[in-house]
Amino acid sequence: MERQALEDLAAWKTSPDRKPLIIKGARQIGKTWLMKEFGRKCFKNTVYINFEYEKRFKDLFTEDFDTQRIVSTIELSYGKKINPKDTLIIFDEIQAVQGGLTSLKYFCENMRQYAVVAAGSLLGISLHENTSFPVGKVNFLDLHPMTFGEFLLASGKELLFNALKECKWDIIKPFHDELIRLVRTYMVTGGMPEVVQKWIDTQDFFAVRDKQRDILNSYQADFSKHIPDLQVPRVAMVWDSLPAQLSKENKKFIYGVLREGARAKDFELAIMWLINCGLILKSQRVGTPKMPLKAYQDAAVFKLYMVDCGLLCAATGLNFEILTEGGRIFTEFKGAITKQFVMQELAAAKCDYTGYWTNERSTSEVDFIIQKNGIVIPIEVKAGENLQAKSFAFFCQKFQPEYAAKISALPYNKTGNVFNFPLYGFAEGIKNICGK
């Protein structure tokens, strides 16, 4: 498979200000594969240590943080010299060993010539728990599920991917129906790498669903394994409520869906845990579409999305026959799957901020509002081919944005400053507006 994050890693390797790199992302999102593939493609040698399994290294960082001693110990253990010019050092499951995260500070200060990449399951949680980890000593890379573009590459559609990346809409137009079919398929498979690989290998949706259930079950197991006992049922309740939350007409998160009388203070930690471990995406309400959007967000009003649209389909038990029924998947659960797809594509597009807009009385709403490279863009997502959007028109008339975007199952067109992007091309289209 091809992951666009490999380009980010290649840029990190040659950066004059390179620091140890931490890759964050949900479990089973492909962090280990990515690090090893990066080592294979861009380095002569790779030293890979998984601290969860290799117990011989459990005391590697407990004696002190002498980086020369640490490197020498690793060299002796593997029986080969580590040349900083051509060797990648991978610390996987780094949160599983005492002092592992802290050691990266000293690699930055004392041995920055070494290329060190670290990752781990639930690493985002470890970074928020009283771990000694000075700010400014590492670089970060957020890894998301495979995007639709990466799904195209995995499916052997490299030419279509390249045309989309370059926003060659006239060339793409004759392939509109094929791309819509591929988007429908992607919405059901999602972007978890093992699931995509299962689809590529078998073209069997039932095998895909089995793999998705395995992933969902592993997440549930993490709840009881890694969360304080008091928070386990609360995290599970938030996680299990997401399909119902997303299928509501008003999709803002409602605590009452969890249980009668539920209050924000009872579930704040549970929501934060799911965000930190990469399992959910959060979109805050923005009251005024001005730069910076974060300054105008309403902290108490938000929407939550799952990490992956395929996992959402599996969690809802969505029947595969929906794929044969035209555009029904775009409208199912009041368009929840389509908006989930858009949210995760925006997350992977590295927007500086992603939220949504409503007026004070919540009588008008725009599905998404993003900030990227100093540009603010309101985005309306329409189910299927229906482009009627009264709230979006009201927003554009009131605030006169420089650019605005609609996303639907229709081909690309542009009217004034409003870009009508097809579902399969909106991410590249928006990056093109914002200068990538």
Protein backbone atom coordinates (compact mmCIF):
# COMPACT_ATOMS: atom_id res chain seq x y z
CA MET A 1 0.00 0.00 0.00
CA GLU A 2 0.99 3.62 -0.41
CA ARG A 3 0.50 6.11 2.44
CA GLN A 4 0.87 9.83 1.85
CA ALA A 5 2.44 10.08 5.31
CA LEU A 6 5.59 8.57 3.79
CA GLU A 7 6.12 11.92 2.07
CA ASP A 8 5.88 13.67 5.43
CA LEU A 9 8.41 11.25 6.89
CA ALA A 10 10.80 11.79 3.99
CA ALA A 11 10.56 15.56 4.57
CA TRP A 12 11.21 15.03 8.29
CA LYS A 13 14.32 12.99 7.51
CA THR A 14 15.95 15.84 5.59
CA SER A 15 14.72 18.69 7.79
CA PRO A 16 17.58 20.79 9.25
CA ASP A 17 15.54 21.16 12.45
CA ARG A 18 14.76 17.45 12.79
CA LYS A 19 13.91 16.19 16.28
CA PRO A 20 12.80 12.74 17.45
CA LEU A 21 9.40 12.07 15.87
CA ILE A 22 6.29 10.77 17.58
CA ILE A 23 3.57 9.24 15.38
CA LYS A 24 0.13 9.47 16.95
CA GLY A 25 -3.00 7.63 15.88
CA ALA A 26 -5.60 5.07 16.89
CA ARG A 27 -4.73 1.43 17.37
CA GLN A 28 -4.54 -0.60 14.13
CA ILE A 29 -4.29 2.50 11.99
CA GLY A 30 -0.97 1.41 10.47
CA LYS A 31 1.72 3.12 12.58
CA THR A 32 4.05 0.12 12.81
CA TRP A 33 3.80 -0.67 9.09
CA LEU A 34 4.44 2.98 8.24
CA MET A 35 7.60 3.20 10.36
CA LYS A 36 9.02 -0.02 8.98
CA GLU A 37 8.18 0.94 5.39
CA PHE A 38 9.85 4.31 5.94
CA GLY A 39 12.97 2.53 7.16
CA ARG A 40 12.92 0.17 4.19
CA LYS A 41 12.52 2.93 1.62
CA CYS A 42 14.64 5.72 3.05
CA PHE A 43 17.41 4.12 5.14
CA LYS A 44 20.08 1.50 4.61
CA ASN A 45 19.38 -0.08 8.01
CA THR A 46 16.54 -0.12 10.53
CA VAL A 47 16.66 -1.00 14.22
CA TYR A 48 13.17 -1.87 15.41
CA ILE A 49 12.36 -2.29 19.12
CA ASN A 50 8.88 -3.16 20.36
CA PHE A 51 8.98 -2.43 24.08
CA GLU A 52 5.76 -4.31 24.74
CA TYR A 53 7.31 -7.61 23.63
CA GLU A 54 11.07 -7.21 24.06
CA LYS A 55 11.39 -7.44 27.83
CA ARG A 56 15.19 -7.33 27.65
CA PHE A 57 14.83 -3.59 27.17
CA LYS A 58 12.46 -2.98 30.11
CA ASP A 59 15.22 -1.27 32.13
CA LEU A 60 16.85 0.55 29.21
CA PHE A 61 15.86 4.00 30.46
CA THR A 62 15.56 3.47 34.22
CA GLU A 63 19.26 3.80 35.13
CA ASP A 64 19.73 7.18 33.48
CA PHE A 65 19.16 8.99 30.19
CA ASP A 66 22.73 8.78 28.92
CA THR A 67 21.96 8.54 25.20
CA GLN A 68 25.41 7.15 24.37
CA ARG A 69 24.83 4.29 26.83
CA ILE A 70 21.36 3.69 25.40
CA VAL A 71 22.64 3.51 21.82
CA SER A 72 25.57 1.28 22.82
CA THR A 73 23.22 -1.11 24.64
CA ILE A 74 21.01 -1.37 21.57
CA GLU A 75 24.06 -1.96 19.35
CA LEU A 76 25.30 -4.79 21.59
CA SER A 77 21.83 -6.35 21.72
CA TYR A 78 21.52 -6.39 17.91
CA GLY A 79 25.19 -7.07 17.20
CA LYS A 80 25.64 -4.21 14.77
CA LYS A 81 26.81 -0.62 14.74
CA ILE A 82 24.19 2.11 14.45
CA ASN A 83 25.37 4.69 11.92
CA PRO A 84 23.29 7.86 12.39
CA LYS A 85 23.69 8.73 8.69
CA ASP A 86 21.90 5.62 7.35
CA THR A 87 20.06 3.94 10.26
CA LEU A 88 16.50 4.52 11.45
CA ILE A 89 15.80 3.75 15.12
CA ILE A 90 12.18 2.76 15.79
CA PHE A 91 10.80 2.74 19.34
CA ASP A 92 7.41 1.02 19.06
CA GLU A 93 4.97 0.79 21.98
CA ILE A 94 7.23 3.31 23.69
CA GLN A 95 4.64 4.03 26.36
CA ALA A 96 5.07 0.45 27.65
CA VAL A 97 8.54 1.08 29.13
CA GLN A 98 9.37 3.40 31.99
CA GLY A 99 11.25 6.50 30.85
CA GLY A 100 10.84 5.80 27.14
CA LEU A 101 9.04 9.03 26.31
CA THR A 102 11.34 11.09 28.52
CA SER A 103 14.41 9.68 26.75
CA LEU A 104 13.38 11.43 23.54
CA LYS A 105 14.19 14.77 25.18
CA TYR A 106 17.80 13.68 25.58
CA PHE A 107 18.06 12.33 22.05
CA CYS A 108 16.95 15.79 20.93
CA GLU A 109 19.44 17.62 23.15
CA ASN A 110 22.46 15.31 22.91
CA MET A 111 22.15 13.12 19.80
CA ARG A 112 19.93 14.85 17.30
CA GLN A 113 21.95 13.32 14.46
CA TYR A 114 20.17 10.01 15.14
CA ALA A 115 16.87 9.46 13.30
CA VAL A 116 14.49 8.28 16.04
CA VAL A 117 10.80 7.56 15.40
CA ALA A 118 8.44 6.49 18.18
CA ALA A 119 4.85 5.30 18.30
CA GLY A 120 2.54 3.21 20.42
CA SER A 121 -1.00 2.10 21.08
CA LEU A 122 -2.84 4.66 23.20
CA LEU A 123 0.26 6.86 23.09
CA GLY A 124 -1.97 9.93 23.10
CA ILE A 125 -3.15 8.90 26.56
CA SER A 126 0.39 8.55 27.88
CA LEU A 127 1.22 12.05 26.68
CA HIS A 128 -1.60 13.40 28.87
CA GLU A 129 -0.69 11.48 32.01
CA ASN A 130 1.97 13.03 34.29
CA THR A 131 4.77 11.85 32.02
CA SER A 132 7.95 13.93 32.00
CA PHE A 133 7.87 15.14 28.41
CA PRO A 134 9.14 18.68 27.78
CA VAL A 135 7.41 20.67 25.09
CA GLY A 136 9.45 21.51 22.03
CA LYS A 137 11.78 18.49 22.09
CA VAL A 138 9.96 16.33 19.53
CA ASN A 139 8.16 16.55 16.23
CA PHE A 140 4.67 15.07 15.85
CA LEU A 141 2.89 13.32 12.98
CA ASP A 142 -0.80 12.48 13.23
CA LEU A 143 -1.74 9.34 11.32
CA HIS A 144 -5.33 8.92 10.18
CA PRO A 145 -7.16 6.10 8.42
CA MET A 146 -6.32 5.70 4.75
CA THR A 147 -7.99 8.49 2.82
CA PHE A 148 -10.17 7.93 -0.22
CA GLY A 149 -7.17 8.92 -2.35
CA GLU A 150 -5.04 6.24 -0.70
CA PHE A 151 -7.90 3.78 -1.22
CA LEU A 152 -7.77 4.63 -4.94
CA LEU A 153 -4.03 3.91 -5.01
CA ALA A 154 -4.54 0.60 -3.22
CA SER A 155 -7.23 -0.25 -5.77
CA GLY A 156 -4.85 0.30 -8.70
CA LYS A 157 -6.42 3.64 -9.73
CA GLU A 158 -3.23 5.67 -9.75
CA LEU A 159 -4.12 7.72 -12.83
CA LEU A 160 -7.48 8.74 -11.34
CA PHE A 161 -5.75 9.60 -8.07
CA ASN A 162 -3.22 11.80 -9.87
CA ALA A 163 -5.96 13.58 -11.82
CA LEU A 164 -7.86 14.27 -8.58
CA LYS A 165 -4.72 15.47 -6.83
CA GLU A 166 -4.14 17.97 -9.62
CA CYS A 167 -7.85 18.95 -9.70
CA LYS A 168 -8.19 18.18 -13.43
CA TRP A 169 -11.98 18.29 -13.31
CA ASP A 170 -12.55 18.14 -17.09
CA ILE A 171 -10.45 15.00 -17.37
CA ILE A 172 -12.18 13.45 -14.35
CA LYS A 173 -15.76 14.16 -15.46
CA PRO A 174 -16.15 11.12 -17.79
CA PHE A 175 -15.20 8.90 -14.82
CA HIS A 176 -17.72 10.47 -12.44
CA ASP A 177 -19.97 7.41 -12.13
CA GLU A 178 -17.00 5.11 -11.50
CA LEU A 179 -15.65 7.41 -8.81
CA ILE A 180 -19.04 7.69 -7.11
CA ARG A 181 -19.20 3.87 -7.06
CA LEU A 182 -15.73 3.77 -5.50
CA VAL A 183 -16.74 6.37 -2.88
CA ARG A 184 -19.74 4.23 -1.96
CA THR A 185 -17.46 1.24 -1.56
CA TYR A 186 -14.99 3.24 0.53
CA MET A 187 -17.73 4.46 2.85
CA VAL A 188 -18.48 0.82 3.73
CA THR A 189 -14.90 -0.44 3.91
CA GLY A 190 -13.44 2.69 5.47
CA GLY A 191 -9.73 3.35 5.69
CA MET A 192 -8.36 1.00 8.35
CA PRO A 193 -5.38 -0.56 6.51
CA GLU A 194 -6.14 -4.21 7.35
CA VAL A 195 -9.73 -3.74 6.22
CA VAL A 196 -8.69 -2.11 2.95
CA GLN A 197 -6.21 -4.92 2.34
CA LYS A 198 -8.93 -7.49 3.02
CA TRP A 199 -11.17 -5.79 0.45
CA ILE A 200 -8.38 -5.62 -2.14
CA ASP A 201 -7.56 -9.31 -1.60
CA THR A 202 -11.09 -10.74 -1.46
CA GLN A 203 -13.65 -8.20 -2.79
CA ASP A 204 -15.82 -9.77 -0.07
CA PHE A 205 -17.84 -7.38 2.10
CA PHE A 206 -18.58 -10.10 4.64
CA ALA A 207 -14.84 -10.66 5.15
CA VAL A 208 -14.47 -6.88 5.45
CA ARG A 209 -17.18 -6.74 8.12
CA ASP A 210 -15.54 -9.55 10.10
CA LYS A 211 -12.27 -7.59 10.14
CA GLN A 212 -14.07 -4.41 11.20
CA ARG A 213 -15.77 -6.26 14.07
CA ASP A 214 -12.39 -7.58 15.19
CA ILE A 215 -11.10 -3.99 15.36
CA LEU A 216 -14.18 -2.76 17.23
CA ASN A 217 -13.82 -5.63 19.71
CA SER A 218 -10.15 -4.78 20.26
CA TYR A 219 -11.15 -1.19 21.06
CA GLN A 220 -13.69 -2.43 23.58
CA ALA A 221 -11.00 -4.59 25.18
CA ASP A 222 -8.77 -1.52 25.49
CA PHE A 223 -11.46 0.21 27.54
CA SER A 224 -11.28 -2.33 30.35
CA LYS A 225 -7.52 -2.82 30.07
CA HIS A 226 -6.28 0.77 30.11
CA ILE A 227 -8.96 2.95 31.70
CA PRO A 228 -9.51 3.53 35.44
CA ASP A 229 -12.41 1.36 36.60
CA LEU A 230 -14.68 4.34 37.28
CA GLN A 231 -14.37 5.59 33.69
CA VAL A 232 -14.78 2.26 31.85
CA PRO A 233 -18.61 2.27 31.69
CA ARG A 234 -18.66 5.97 30.81
CA VAL A 235 -16.20 5.59 27.96
CA ALA A 236 -18.18 2.60 26.66
CA MET A 237 -21.43 4.59 26.85
CA VAL A 238 -20.00 7.50 24.87
CA TRP A 239 -18.48 5.16 22.27
CA ASP A 240 -21.65 3.09 21.89
CA SER A 241 -23.81 6.22 21.56
CA LEU A 242 -22.00 7.63 18.53
CA PRO A 243 -24.17 6.00 15.83
CA ALA A 244 -27.30 7.32 17.56
CA GLN A 245 -25.73 10.76 18.11
CA LEU A 246 -24.75 11.05 14.43
CA SER A 247 -28.14 9.92 13.12
CA LYS A 248 -30.07 12.66 14.96
CA GLU A 249 -31.48 15.57 12.97
CA ASN A 250 -29.60 17.90 15.31
CA LYS A 251 -26.26 16.17 15.47
CA LYS A 252 -24.69 18.10 18.34
CA PHE A 253 -23.67 15.80 21.16
CA ILE A 254 -26.53 15.26 23.62
CA TYR A 255 -25.62 13.84 27.01
CA GLY A 256 -29.21 12.70 27.50
CA VAL A 257 -28.70 10.09 24.76
CA LEU A 258 -26.20 8.36 27.07
CA ARG A 259 -28.63 8.03 29.97
CA GLU A 260 -31.43 10.01 31.56
CA GLY A 261 -30.09 12.91 33.57
CA ALA A 262 -26.53 12.59 32.27
CA ARG A 263 -24.42 15.73 32.79
CA ALA A 264 -21.34 17.06 31.06
CA LYS A 265 -19.11 16.85 34.14
CA ASP A 266 -19.81 13.10 34.42
CA PHE A 267 -18.57 12.35 30.90
CA GLU A 268 -15.90 14.98 30.16
CA LEU A 269 -13.05 12.63 31.09
CA ALA A 270 -14.53 9.78 29.05
CA ILE A 271 -14.78 11.97 25.95
CA MET A 272 -11.25 13.29 26.48
CA TRP A 273 -9.91 9.72 26.75
CA LEU A 274 -11.50 8.74 23.43
CA ILE A 275 -10.12 11.88 21.75
CA ASN A 276 -6.61 11.39 23.14
CA CYS A 277 -6.40 7.78 22.00
CA GLY A 278 -7.55 8.77 18.51
CA LEU A 279 -10.88 6.95 18.44
CA ILE A 280 -13.11 9.98 17.97
CA LEU A 281 -12.93 13.34 16.21
CA LYS A 282 -14.44 16.45 17.77
CA SER A 283 -16.02 19.38 15.94
CA GLN A 284 -16.84 22.47 18.04
CA ARG A 285 -19.58 24.96 17.33
CA VAL A 286 -18.25 28.29 16.03
CA GLY A 287 -20.44 31.33 16.54
CA THR A 288 -18.54 33.82 14.34
CA PRO A 289 -16.59 32.80 11.21
CA LYS A 290 -13.53 34.95 11.85
CA MET A 291 -9.83 34.21 12.17
CA PRO A 292 -8.80 32.45 14.31
CA LEU A 293 -11.86 30.22 14.48
CA LYS A 294 -10.75 28.72 17.80
CA ALA A 295 -11.25 32.10 19.45
CA TYR A 296 -14.94 31.98 18.54
CA GLN A 297 -15.74 28.38 19.44
CA ASP A 298 -18.36 27.34 21.98
CA ALA A 299 -16.62 24.83 24.26
CA ALA A 300 -19.91 23.42 25.55
CA VAL A 301 -21.45 22.63 22.14
CA PHE A 302 -19.84 20.09 19.83
CA LYS A 303 -20.27 17.05 17.60
CA LEU A 304 -18.36 13.79 17.87
CA TYR A 305 -17.43 11.54 14.96
CA MET A 306 -15.87 8.09 14.86
CA VAL A 307 -12.32 7.64 13.62
CA ASP A 308 -13.50 5.79 10.49
CA CYS A 309 -16.63 5.59 8.34
CA GLY A 310 -16.24 1.84 7.77
CA LEU A 311 -16.20 1.23 11.52
CA LEU A 312 -19.31 3.41 11.82
CA CYS A 313 -21.06 1.23 9.22
CA ALA A 314 -20.01 -1.90 11.13
CA ALA A 315 -21.14 -0.45 14.46
CA THR A 316 -24.58 0.30 13.02
CA GLY A 317 -24.85 -3.12 11.33
CA LEU A 318 -25.48 -1.44 7.98
CA ASN A 319 -26.59 -3.95 5.35
CA PHE A 320 -24.29 -4.25 2.32
CA GLU A 321 -27.29 -4.24 -0.04
CA ILE A 322 -27.33 -0.48 0.45
CA LEU A 323 -24.50 -0.29 -2.08
CA THR A 324 -26.71 -1.60 -4.86
CA GLU A 325 -29.43 0.97 -4.22
CA GLY A 326 -28.04 4.00 -6.01
CA GLY A 327 -27.21 6.86 -3.69
CA ARG A 328 -29.01 5.53 -0.65
CA ILE A 329 -25.78 5.22 1.35
CA PHE A 330 -25.35 8.99 1.07
CA THR A 331 -28.71 9.61 2.76
CA GLU A 332 -28.76 6.72 5.25
CA PHE A 333 -29.08 7.76 8.91
CA LYS A 334 -29.87 11.31 7.74
CA GLY A 335 -26.59 11.53 5.87
CA ALA A 336 -24.52 10.58 8.94
CA ILE A 337 -22.13 8.30 7.03
CA THR A 338 -21.48 10.97 4.40
CA LYS A 339 -20.67 13.59 7.03
CA GLN A 340 -18.48 11.10 8.88
CA PHE A 341 -16.59 10.56 5.62
CA VAL A 342 -16.17 14.30 5.11
CA MET A 343 -14.99 14.84 8.69
CA GLN A 344 -12.24 12.23 8.52
CA GLU A 345 -11.08 13.47 5.10
CA LEU A 346 -10.83 17.01 6.51
CA ALA A 347 -8.85 15.68 9.48
CA ALA A 348 -6.40 13.97 7.13
CA ALA A 349 -6.15 17.16 5.04
CA LYS A 350 -4.38 18.83 8.00
CA CYS A 351 -6.80 21.69 8.45
CA ASP A 352 -5.71 24.09 11.15
CA TYR A 353 -9.23 24.01 12.59
CA THR A 354 -12.40 22.10 11.79
CA GLY A 355 -15.71 23.02 13.39
CA TYR A 356 -19.28 23.88 12.38
CA TRP A 357 -21.41 27.01 12.49
CA THR A 358 -24.85 27.75 13.89
CA ASN A 359 -26.57 31.00 14.72
CA GLU A 360 -27.44 31.78 18.33
CA ARG A 361 -30.87 30.12 18.17
CA SER A 362 -29.56 27.13 16.17
CA THR A 363 -32.16 27.77 13.48
CA SER A 364 -29.43 27.89 10.81
CA GLU A 365 -26.44 25.58 10.53
CA VAL A 366 -23.48 24.98 8.21
CA ASP A 367 -22.08 21.46 8.44
CA PHE A 368 -18.40 22.38 8.58
CA ILE A 369 -16.25 25.47 8.79
CA ILE A 370 -12.51 25.08 8.38
CA GLN A 371 -9.42 27.20 8.70
CA LYS A 372 -6.35 26.28 6.65
CA ASN A 373 -3.33 28.43 5.78
CA GLY A 374 -5.15 31.57 6.89
CA ILE A 375 -8.28 30.88 4.81
CA VAL A 376 -11.73 30.23 6.33
CA ILE A 377 -14.13 28.13 4.26
CA PRO A 378 -17.73 27.18 5.13
CA ILE A 379 -18.68 23.72 3.81
CA GLU A 380 -22.15 22.32 3.24
CA VAL A 381 -22.57 18.58 2.72
CA LYS A 382 -25.64 17.56 0.75
CA ALA A 383 -26.97 14.03 0.61
CA GLY A 384 -26.94 12.64 -2.90
CA GLU A 385 -27.57 15.26 -5.56
CA ASN A 386 -29.78 17.69 -3.63
CA LEU A 387 -28.00 21.04 -3.49
CA GLN A 388 -30.73 23.04 -1.73
CA ALA A 389 -29.19 24.62 1.37
CA LYS A 390 -31.08 27.55 2.90
CA SER A 391 -28.80 27.85 5.92
CA PHE A 392 -25.71 27.83 3.72
CA ALA A 393 -27.19 30.57 1.50
CA PHE A 394 -28.06 32.60 4.60
CA PHE A 395 -24.51 32.20 5.93
CA CYS A 396 -22.92 33.29 2.65
CA GLN A 397 -25.21 36.32 2.36
CA LYS A 398 -24.57 37.38 5.97
CA PHE A 399 -20.79 36.85 6.18
CA GLN A 400 -19.67 37.10 2.53
CA PRO A 401 -16.87 34.48 2.75
CA GLU A 402 -14.05 34.71 0.21
CA TYR A 403 -14.57 31.04 -0.65
CA ALA A 404 -17.37 28.59 0.10
CA ALA A 405 -17.87 24.93 -0.78
CA LYS A 406 -20.71 22.48 -1.30
CA ILE A 407 -20.08 18.74 -1.37
CA SER A 408 -22.45 16.34 -3.09
CA ALA A 409 -22.68 13.39 -5.48
CA LEU A 410 -22.75 15.77 -8.46
CA PRO A 411 -19.74 16.52 -10.72
CA TYR A 412 -17.58 19.57 -10.10
CA ASN A 413 -18.76 23.04 -11.01
CA LYS A 414 -18.18 26.57 -9.73
CA THR A 415 -20.62 29.45 -9.35
CA GLY A 416 -19.01 32.71 -8.32
CA ASN A 417 -16.97 31.98 -5.21
CA VAL A 418 -18.90 28.78 -4.40
CA PHE A 419 -17.14 25.55 -5.36
CA ASN A 420 -19.43 22.55 -5.87
CA PHE A 421 -17.12 19.60 -5.20
CA PRO A 422 -17.96 15.94 -5.79
CA LEU A 423 -17.55 13.68 -2.76
CA TYR A 424 -14.57 11.98 -4.32
CA GLY A 425 -12.64 15.20 -4.95
CA PHE A 426 -13.49 17.73 -2.26
CA ALA A 427 -10.42 17.11 -0.09
CA GLU A 428 -7.99 17.82 -2.92
CA GLY A 429 -10.16 20.71 -4.09
CA ILE A 430 -10.07 22.40 -0.70
CA LYS A 431 -6.31 21.84 -0.34
CA ASN A 432 -5.91 23.44 -3.79
CA ILE A 433 -7.88 26.54 -2.69
CA CYS A 434 -5.79 26.85 0.47
CA GLY A 435 -2.44 26.28 -1.23
CA LYS A 436 -2.12 22.63 -0.07
